[in-house]
Amino acid sequence: MQRFAVIVEPADEGGFVARVPALPGCVTEGDTREEAFAMAHDAVRGYLASLKNHGEWPPHFTDPVNFVDVDEATI
């Protein structure tokens, strides 16, 4: 099993955009945050299937997403 970060943000024209930073060009959208996230799941599966069909399997990912923990007591 592989895990991918999904960033879901409001779209300027309404709805939400979901992108997967580790997969260049893997972007989708939905009317709600939940729908955009579900669409991202399908988009990742399709992206990986395409890599496999084109003989680019296993893929080599570099996920640029990192997290910062901030203790509220230090603010």
PDB file of N, CA and C in Angstrom:
ATOM      1  N   MET A   1       0.849  -1.174   0.000  1.00  0.00           N
ATOM      2  CA  MET A   1       0.000   0.000   0.000  1.00  0.00           C
ATOM      3  C   MET A   1       0.891   1.233   0.000  1.00  0.00           C
ATOM      4  N   GLN A   2       0.503   2.227  -0.773  1.00  0.00           N
ATOM      5  CA  GLN A   2       1.222   3.492  -0.810  1.00  0.00           C
ATOM      6  C   GLN A   2       0.300   4.593  -0.319  1.00  0.00           C
ATOM      7  N   ARG A   3       0.886   5.593   0.291  1.00  0.00           N
ATOM      8  CA  ARG A   3       0.113   6.724   0.819  1.00  0.00           C
ATOM      9  C   ARG A   3       0.571   7.986   0.098  1.00  0.00           C
ATOM     10  N   PHE A   4      -0.399   8.809  -0.300  1.00  0.00           N
ATOM     11  CA  PHE A   4      -0.101  10.055  -0.997  1.00  0.00           C
ATOM     12  C   PHE A   4      -0.793  11.216  -0.287  1.00  0.00           C
ATOM     13  N   ALA A   5      -0.073  12.305  -0.145  1.00  0.00           N
ATOM     14  CA  ALA A   5      -0.674  13.519   0.408  1.00  0.00           C
ATOM     15  C   ALA A   5      -1.595  14.122  -0.646  1.00  0.00           C
ATOM     16  N   VAL A   6      -2.761  14.582  -0.216  1.00  0.00           N
ATOM     17  CA  VAL A   6      -3.722  15.249  -1.094  1.00  0.00           C
ATOM     18  C   VAL A   6      -4.002  16.623  -0.494  1.00  0.00           C
ATOM     19  N   ILE A   7      -3.836  17.649  -1.299  1.00  0.00           N
ATOM     20  CA  ILE A   7      -4.125  19.008  -0.852  1.00  0.00           C
ATOM     21  C   ILE A   7      -5.437  19.432  -1.497  1.00  0.00           C
ATOM     22  N   VAL A   8      -6.411  19.782  -0.662  1.00  0.00           N
ATOM     23  CA  VAL A   8      -7.733  20.204  -1.132  1.00  0.00           C
ATOM     24  C   VAL A   8      -7.909  21.667  -0.752  1.00  0.00           C
ATOM     25  N   GLU A   9      -8.161  22.501  -1.762  1.00  0.00           N
ATOM     26  CA  GLU A   9      -8.308  23.936  -1.546  1.00  0.00           C
ATOM     27  C   GLU A   9      -9.538  24.458  -2.269  1.00  0.00           C
ATOM     28  N   PRO A  10     -10.123  25.541  -1.769  1.00  0.00           N
ATOM     29  CA  PRO A  10     -11.248  26.138  -2.483  1.00  0.00           C
ATOM     30  C   PRO A  10     -10.806  26.628  -3.865  1.00  0.00           C
ATOM     31  N   ALA A  11     -11.657  26.425  -4.852  1.00  0.00           N
ATOM     32  CA  ALA A  11     -11.382  26.908  -6.209  1.00  0.00           C
ATOM     33  C   ALA A  11     -11.946  28.315  -6.358  1.00  0.00           C
ATOM     34  N   ASP A  12     -11.282  29.148  -7.138  1.00  0.00           N
ATOM     35  CA  ASP A  12     -11.731  30.523  -7.357  1.00  0.00           C
ATOM     36  C   ASP A  12     -13.147  30.582  -7.917  1.00  0.00           C
ATOM     37  N   GLU A  13     -13.481  29.643  -8.780  1.00  0.00           N
ATOM     38  CA  GLU A  13     -14.789  29.642  -9.429  1.00  0.00           C
ATOM     39  C   GLU A  13     -15.853  28.871  -8.651  1.00  0.00           C
ATOM     40  N   GLY A  14     -15.503  28.429  -7.462  1.00  0.00           N
ATOM     41  CA  GLY A  14     -16.419  27.648  -6.634  1.00  0.00           C
ATOM     42  C   GLY A  14     -15.998  26.198  -6.602  1.00  0.00           C
ATOM     43  N   GLY A  15     -16.463  25.486  -5.623  1.00  0.00           N
ATOM     44  CA  GLY A  15     -16.064  24.094  -5.461  1.00  0.00           C
ATOM     45  C   GLY A  15     -14.662  24.001  -4.888  1.00  0.00           C
ATOM     46  N   PHE A  16     -14.039  22.861  -5.082  1.00  0.00           N
ATOM     47  CA  PHE A  16     -12.723  22.603  -4.515  1.00  0.00           C
ATOM     48  C   PHE A  16     -11.818  21.907  -5.519  1.00  0.00           C
ATOM     49  N   VAL A  17     -10.534  22.184  -5.425  1.00  0.00           N
ATOM     50  CA  VAL A  17      -9.519  21.551  -6.254  1.00  0.00           C
ATOM     51  C   VAL A  17      -8.690  20.656  -5.352  1.00  0.00           C
ATOM     52  N   ALA A  18      -8.400  19.448  -5.826  1.00  0.00           N
ATOM     53  CA  ALA A  18      -7.549  18.512  -5.092  1.00  0.00           C
ATOM     54  C   ALA A  18      -6.338  18.198  -5.959  1.00  0.00           C
ATOM     55  N   ARG A  19      -5.164  18.308  -5.354  1.00  0.00           N
ATOM     56  CA  ARG A  19      -3.951  17.972  -6.099  1.00  0.00           C
ATOM     57  C   ARG A  19      -3.081  17.045  -5.264  1.00  0.00           C
ATOM     58  N   VAL A  20      -2.296  16.255  -5.970  1.00  0.00           N
ATOM     59  CA  VAL A  20      -1.419  15.279  -5.337  1.00  0.00           C
ATOM     60  C   VAL A  20       0.011  15.673  -5.695  1.00  0.00           C
ATOM     61  N   PRO A  21       0.718  16.361  -4.786  1.00  0.00           N
ATOM     62  CA  PRO A  21       2.044  16.893  -5.108  1.00  0.00           C
ATOM     63  C   PRO A  21       3.052  15.855  -5.609  1.00  0.00           C
ATOM     64  N   ALA A  22       2.972  14.637  -5.142  1.00  0.00           N
ATOM     65  CA  ALA A  22       3.939  13.613  -5.543  1.00  0.00           C
ATOM     66  C   ALA A  22       3.718  13.132  -6.973  1.00  0.00           C
ATOM     67  N   LEU A  23       2.549  13.429  -7.540  1.00  0.00           N
ATOM     68  CA  LEU A  23       2.215  12.972  -8.886  1.00  0.00           C
ATOM     69  C   LEU A  23       1.986  14.189  -9.787  1.00  0.00           C
ATOM     70  N   PRO A  24       3.001  14.638 -10.493  1.00  0.00           N
ATOM     71  CA  PRO A  24       2.875  15.844 -11.320  1.00  0.00           C
ATOM     72  C   PRO A  24       1.669  15.773 -12.260  1.00  0.00           C
ATOM     73  N   GLY A  25       0.845  16.811 -12.212  1.00  0.00           N
ATOM     74  CA  GLY A  25      -0.326  16.877 -13.080  1.00  0.00           C
ATOM     75  C   GLY A  25      -1.547  16.150 -12.553  1.00  0.00           C
ATOM     76  N   CYS A  26      -1.434  15.525 -11.404  1.00  0.00           N
ATOM     77  CA  CYS A  26      -2.575  14.802 -10.830  1.00  0.00           C
ATOM     78  C   CYS A  26      -3.428  15.795 -10.044  1.00  0.00           C
ATOM     79  N   VAL A  27      -4.430  16.354 -10.732  1.00  0.00           N
ATOM     80  CA  VAL A  27      -5.299  17.386 -10.178  1.00  0.00           C
ATOM     81  C   VAL A  27      -6.732  17.042 -10.563  1.00  0.00           C
ATOM     82  N   THR A  28      -7.646  17.241  -9.640  1.00  0.00           N
ATOM     83  CA  THR A  28      -9.057  17.003  -9.909  1.00  0.00           C
ATOM     84  C   THR A  28      -9.872  18.001  -9.103  1.00  0.00           C
ATOM     85  N   GLU A  29     -11.180  17.923  -9.201  1.00  0.00           N
ATOM     86  CA  GLU A  29     -12.023  18.875  -8.485  1.00  0.00           C
ATOM     87  C   GLU A  29     -13.342  18.247  -8.095  1.00  0.00           C
ATOM     88  N   GLY A  30     -14.066  18.954  -7.239  1.00  0.00           N
ATOM     89  CA  GLY A  30     -15.381  18.504  -6.811  1.00  0.00           C
ATOM     90  C   GLY A  30     -16.166  19.675  -6.261  1.00  0.00           C
ATOM     91  N   ASP A  31     -17.461  19.502  -6.156  1.00  0.00           N
ATOM     92  CA  ASP A  31     -18.326  20.564  -5.640  1.00  0.00           C
ATOM     93  C   ASP A  31     -18.125  20.790  -4.148  1.00  0.00           C
ATOM     94  N   THR A  32     -17.753  19.723  -3.431  1.00  0.00           N
ATOM     95  CA  THR A  32     -17.501  19.817  -1.994  1.00  0.00           C
ATOM     96  C   THR A  32     -16.087  19.322  -1.717  1.00  0.00           C
ATOM     97  N   ARG A  33     -15.594  19.642  -0.524  1.00  0.00           N
ATOM     98  CA  ARG A  33     -14.268  19.163  -0.112  1.00  0.00           C
ATOM     99  C   ARG A  33     -14.218  17.628  -0.144  1.00  0.00           C
ATOM    100  N   GLU A  34     -15.284  17.010   0.331  1.00  0.00           N
ATOM    101  CA  GLU A  34     -15.343  15.545   0.377  1.00  0.00           C
ATOM    102  C   GLU A  34     -15.340  14.943  -1.027  1.00  0.00           C
ATOM    103  N   GLU A  35     -16.101  15.565  -1.934  1.00  0.00           N
ATOM    104  CA  GLU A  35     -16.146  15.062  -3.312  1.00  0.00           C
ATOM    105  C   GLU A  35     -14.780  15.218  -3.985  1.00  0.00           C
ATOM    106  N   ALA A  36     -14.120  16.350  -3.771  1.00  0.00           N
ATOM    107  CA  ALA A  36     -12.799  16.553  -4.363  1.00  0.00           C
ATOM    108  C   ALA A  36     -11.805  15.521  -3.838  1.00  0.00           C
ATOM    109  N   PHE A  37     -11.882  15.213  -2.547  1.00  0.00           N
ATOM    110  CA  PHE A  37     -10.989  14.207  -1.965  1.00  0.00           C
ATOM    111  C   PHE A  37     -11.261  12.825  -2.563  1.00  0.00           C
ATOM    112  N   ALA A  38     -12.543  12.484  -2.716  1.00  0.00           N
ATOM    113  CA  ALA A  38     -12.902  11.193  -3.325  1.00  0.00           C
ATOM    114  C   ALA A  38     -12.426  11.131  -4.773  1.00  0.00           C
ATOM    115  N   MET A  39     -12.556  12.240  -5.490  1.00  0.00           N
ATOM    116  CA  MET A  39     -12.099  12.288  -6.876  1.00  0.00           C
ATOM    117  C   MET A  39     -10.580  12.127  -6.935  1.00  0.00           C
ATOM    118  N   ALA A  40      -9.873  12.663  -5.937  1.00  0.00           N
ATOM    119  CA  ALA A  40      -8.418  12.524  -5.893  1.00  0.00           C
ATOM    120  C   ALA A  40      -8.030  11.055  -5.754  1.00  0.00           C
ATOM    121  N   HIS A  41      -8.783  10.319  -4.964  1.00  0.00           N
ATOM    122  CA  HIS A  41      -8.514   8.880  -4.811  1.00  0.00           C
ATOM    123  C   HIS A  41      -8.605   8.188  -6.164  1.00  0.00           C
ATOM    124  N   ASP A  42      -9.652   8.486  -6.916  1.00  0.00           N
ATOM    125  CA  ASP A  42      -9.804   7.908  -8.261  1.00  0.00           C
ATOM    126  C   ASP A  42      -8.696   8.369  -9.191  1.00  0.00           C
ATOM    127  N   ALA A  43      -8.307   9.653  -9.090  1.00  0.00           N
ATOM    128  CA  ALA A  43      -7.256  10.183  -9.953  1.00  0.00           C
ATOM    129  C   ALA A  43      -5.912   9.503  -9.677  1.00  0.00           C
ATOM    130  N   VAL A  44      -5.610   9.242  -8.419  1.00  0.00           N
ATOM    131  CA  VAL A  44      -4.361   8.555  -8.070  1.00  0.00           C
ATOM    132  C   VAL A  44      -4.371   7.144  -8.640  1.00  0.00           C
ATOM    133  N   ARG A  45      -5.481   6.441  -8.489  1.00  0.00           N
ATOM    134  CA  ARG A  45      -5.568   5.078  -9.034  1.00  0.00           C
ATOM    135  C   ARG A  45      -5.372   5.094 -10.551  1.00  0.00           C
ATOM    136  N   GLY A  46      -5.998   6.054 -11.236  1.00  0.00           N
ATOM    137  CA  GLY A  46      -5.844   6.159 -12.689  1.00  0.00           C
ATOM    138  C   GLY A  46      -4.418   6.514 -13.086  1.00  0.00           C
ATOM    139  N   TYR A  47      -3.793   7.407 -12.347  1.00  0.00           N
ATOM    140  CA  TYR A  47      -2.416   7.816 -12.607  1.00  0.00           C
ATOM    141  C   TYR A  47      -1.484   6.611 -12.493  1.00  0.00           C
ATOM    142  N   LEU A  48      -1.640   5.853 -11.403  1.00  0.00           N
ATOM    143  CA  LEU A  48      -0.788   4.678 -11.189  1.00  0.00           C
ATOM    144  C   LEU A  48      -1.041   3.611 -12.244  1.00  0.00           C
ATOM    145  N   ALA A  49      -2.299   3.427 -12.633  1.00  0.00           N
ATOM    146  CA  ALA A  49      -2.627   2.455 -13.682  1.00  0.00           C
ATOM    147  C   ALA A  49      -1.976   2.861 -15.002  1.00  0.00           C
ATOM    148  N   SER A  50      -1.961   4.142 -15.297  1.00  0.00           N
ATOM    149  CA  SER A  50      -1.330   4.626 -16.526  1.00  0.00           C
ATOM    150  C   SER A  50       0.176   4.362 -16.507  1.00  0.00           C
ATOM    151  N   LEU A  51       0.810   4.617 -15.365  1.00  0.00           N
ATOM    152  CA  LEU A  51       2.238   4.322 -15.251  1.00  0.00           C
ATOM    153  C   LEU A  51       2.504   2.846 -15.519  1.00  0.00           C
ATOM    154  N   LYS A  52       1.667   2.006 -14.940  1.00  0.00           N
ATOM    155  CA  LYS A  52       1.835   0.562 -15.100  1.00  0.00           C
ATOM    156  C   LYS A  52       1.646   0.151 -16.564  1.00  0.00           C
ATOM    157  N   ASN A  53       0.628   0.718 -17.209  1.00  0.00           N
ATOM    158  CA  ASN A  53       0.345   0.393 -18.612  1.00  0.00           C
ATOM    159  C   ASN A  53       1.451   0.856 -19.553  1.00  0.00           C
ATOM    160  N   HIS A  54       2.184   1.887 -19.165  1.00  0.00           N
ATOM    161  CA  HIS A  54       3.261   2.416 -19.998  1.00  0.00           C
ATOM    162  C   HIS A  54       4.638   1.887 -19.600  1.00  0.00           C
ATOM    163  N   GLY A  55       4.646   0.851 -18.764  1.00  0.00           N
ATOM    164  CA  GLY A  55       5.903   0.218 -18.371  1.00  0.00           C
ATOM    165  C   GLY A  55       6.757   1.067 -17.447  1.00  0.00           C
ATOM    166  N   GLU A  56       6.150   2.001 -16.750  1.00  0.00           N
ATOM    167  CA  GLU A  56       6.891   2.862 -15.829  1.00  0.00           C
ATOM    168  C   GLU A  56       6.648   2.440 -14.384  1.00  0.00           C
ATOM    169  N   TRP A  57       6.585   1.144 -14.161  1.00  0.00           N
ATOM    170  CA  TRP A  57       6.292   0.602 -12.855  1.00  0.00           C
ATOM    171  C   TRP A  57       7.482  -0.180 -12.353  1.00  0.00           C
ATOM    172  N   PRO A  58       7.914  -0.147 -11.149  1.00  0.00           N
ATOM    173  CA  PRO A  58       7.343   0.664 -10.081  1.00  0.00           C
ATOM    174  C   PRO A  58       7.765   2.123 -10.220  1.00  0.00           C
ATOM    175  N   PRO A  59       6.904   3.022  -9.799  1.00  0.00           N
ATOM    176  CA  PRO A  59       7.214   4.449  -9.905  1.00  0.00           C
ATOM    177  C   PRO A  59       8.216   4.886  -8.844  1.00  0.00           C
ATOM    178  N   HIS A  60       8.873   5.995  -9.099  1.00  0.00           N
ATOM    179  CA  HIS A  60       9.826   6.563  -8.142  1.00  0.00           C
ATOM    180  C   HIS A  60       9.289   7.930  -7.741  1.00  0.00           C
ATOM    181  N   PHE A  61       8.755   8.011  -6.547  1.00  0.00           N
ATOM    182  CA  PHE A  61       8.109   9.222  -6.085  1.00  0.00           C
ATOM    183  C   PHE A  61       9.018  10.031  -5.184  1.00  0.00           C
ATOM    184  N   THR A  62       8.886  11.323  -5.296  1.00  0.00           N
ATOM    185  CA  THR A  62       9.491  12.235  -4.335  1.00  0.00           C
ATOM    186  C   THR A  62       8.373  13.169  -3.906  1.00  0.00           C
ATOM    187  N   ASP A  63       7.863  12.950  -2.734  1.00  0.00           N
ATOM    188  CA  ASP A  63       6.745  13.741  -2.230  1.00  0.00           C
ATOM    189  C   ASP A  63       7.290  14.979  -1.536  1.00  0.00           C
ATOM    190  N   PRO A  64       7.013  16.179  -2.096  1.00  0.00           N
ATOM    191  CA  PRO A  64       7.558  17.392  -1.515  1.00  0.00           C
ATOM    192  C   PRO A  64       6.819  17.886  -0.273  1.00  0.00           C
ATOM    193  N   VAL A  65       5.810  17.158   0.170  1.00  0.00           N
ATOM    194  CA  VAL A  65       5.016  17.618   1.304  1.00  0.00           C
ATOM    195  C   VAL A  65       5.691  17.217   2.612  1.00  0.00           C
ATOM    196  N   ASN A  66       5.866  18.208   3.462  1.00  0.00           N
ATOM    197  CA  ASN A  66       6.380  17.993   4.812  1.00  0.00           C
ATOM    198  C   ASN A  66       5.434  18.692   5.772  1.00  0.00           C
ATOM    199  N   PHE A  67       5.541  18.381   7.029  1.00  0.00           N
ATOM    200  CA  PHE A  67       4.652  18.958   8.025  1.00  0.00           C
ATOM    201  C   PHE A  67       5.465  19.643   9.114  1.00  0.00           C
ATOM    202  N   VAL A  68       4.916  20.712   9.651  1.00  0.00           N
ATOM    203  CA  VAL A  68       5.521  21.449  10.758  1.00  0.00           C
ATOM    204  C   VAL A  68       4.576  21.357  11.936  1.00  0.00           C
ATOM    205  N   ASP A  69       5.095  20.953  13.071  1.00  0.00           N
ATOM    206  CA  ASP A  69       4.295  20.916  14.300  1.00  0.00           C
ATOM    207  C   ASP A  69       4.577  22.183  15.099  1.00  0.00           C
ATOM    208  N   VAL A  70       3.520  22.861  15.515  1.00  0.00           N
ATOM    209  CA  VAL A  70       3.661  24.085  16.283  1.00  0.00           C
ATOM    210  C   VAL A  70       2.883  23.926  17.585  1.00  0.00           C
ATOM    211  N   ASP A  71       3.568  24.114  18.681  1.00  0.00           N
ATOM    212  CA  ASP A  71       2.942  24.044  19.995  1.00  0.00           C
ATOM    213  C   ASP A  71       2.305  25.403  20.285  1.00  0.00           C
ATOM    214  N   GLU A  72       1.003  25.429  20.503  1.00  0.00           N
ATOM    215  CA  GLU A  72       0.295  26.681  20.735  1.00  0.00           C
ATOM    216  C   GLU A  72       0.858  27.455  21.930  1.00  0.00           C
ATOM    217  N   ALA A  73       1.443  26.751  22.858  1.00  0.00           N
ATOM    218  CA  ALA A  73       2.001  27.410  24.043  1.00  0.00           C
ATOM    219  C   ALA A  73       3.205  28.279  23.699  1.00  0.00           C
ATOM    220  N   THR A  74       3.825  28.038  22.534  1.00  0.00           N
ATOM    221  CA  THR A  74       5.008  28.810  22.163  1.00  0.00           C
ATOM    222  C   THR A  74       4.674  30.005  21.287  1.00  0.00           C
ATOM    223  N   ILE A  75       3.399  30.202  21.014  1.00  0.00           N
ATOM    224  CA  ILE A  75       2.996  31.328  20.146  1.00  0.00           C
ATOM    225  C   ILE A  75       2.706  32.552  20.993  1.00  0.00           C
TER     226      ILE A  75
END
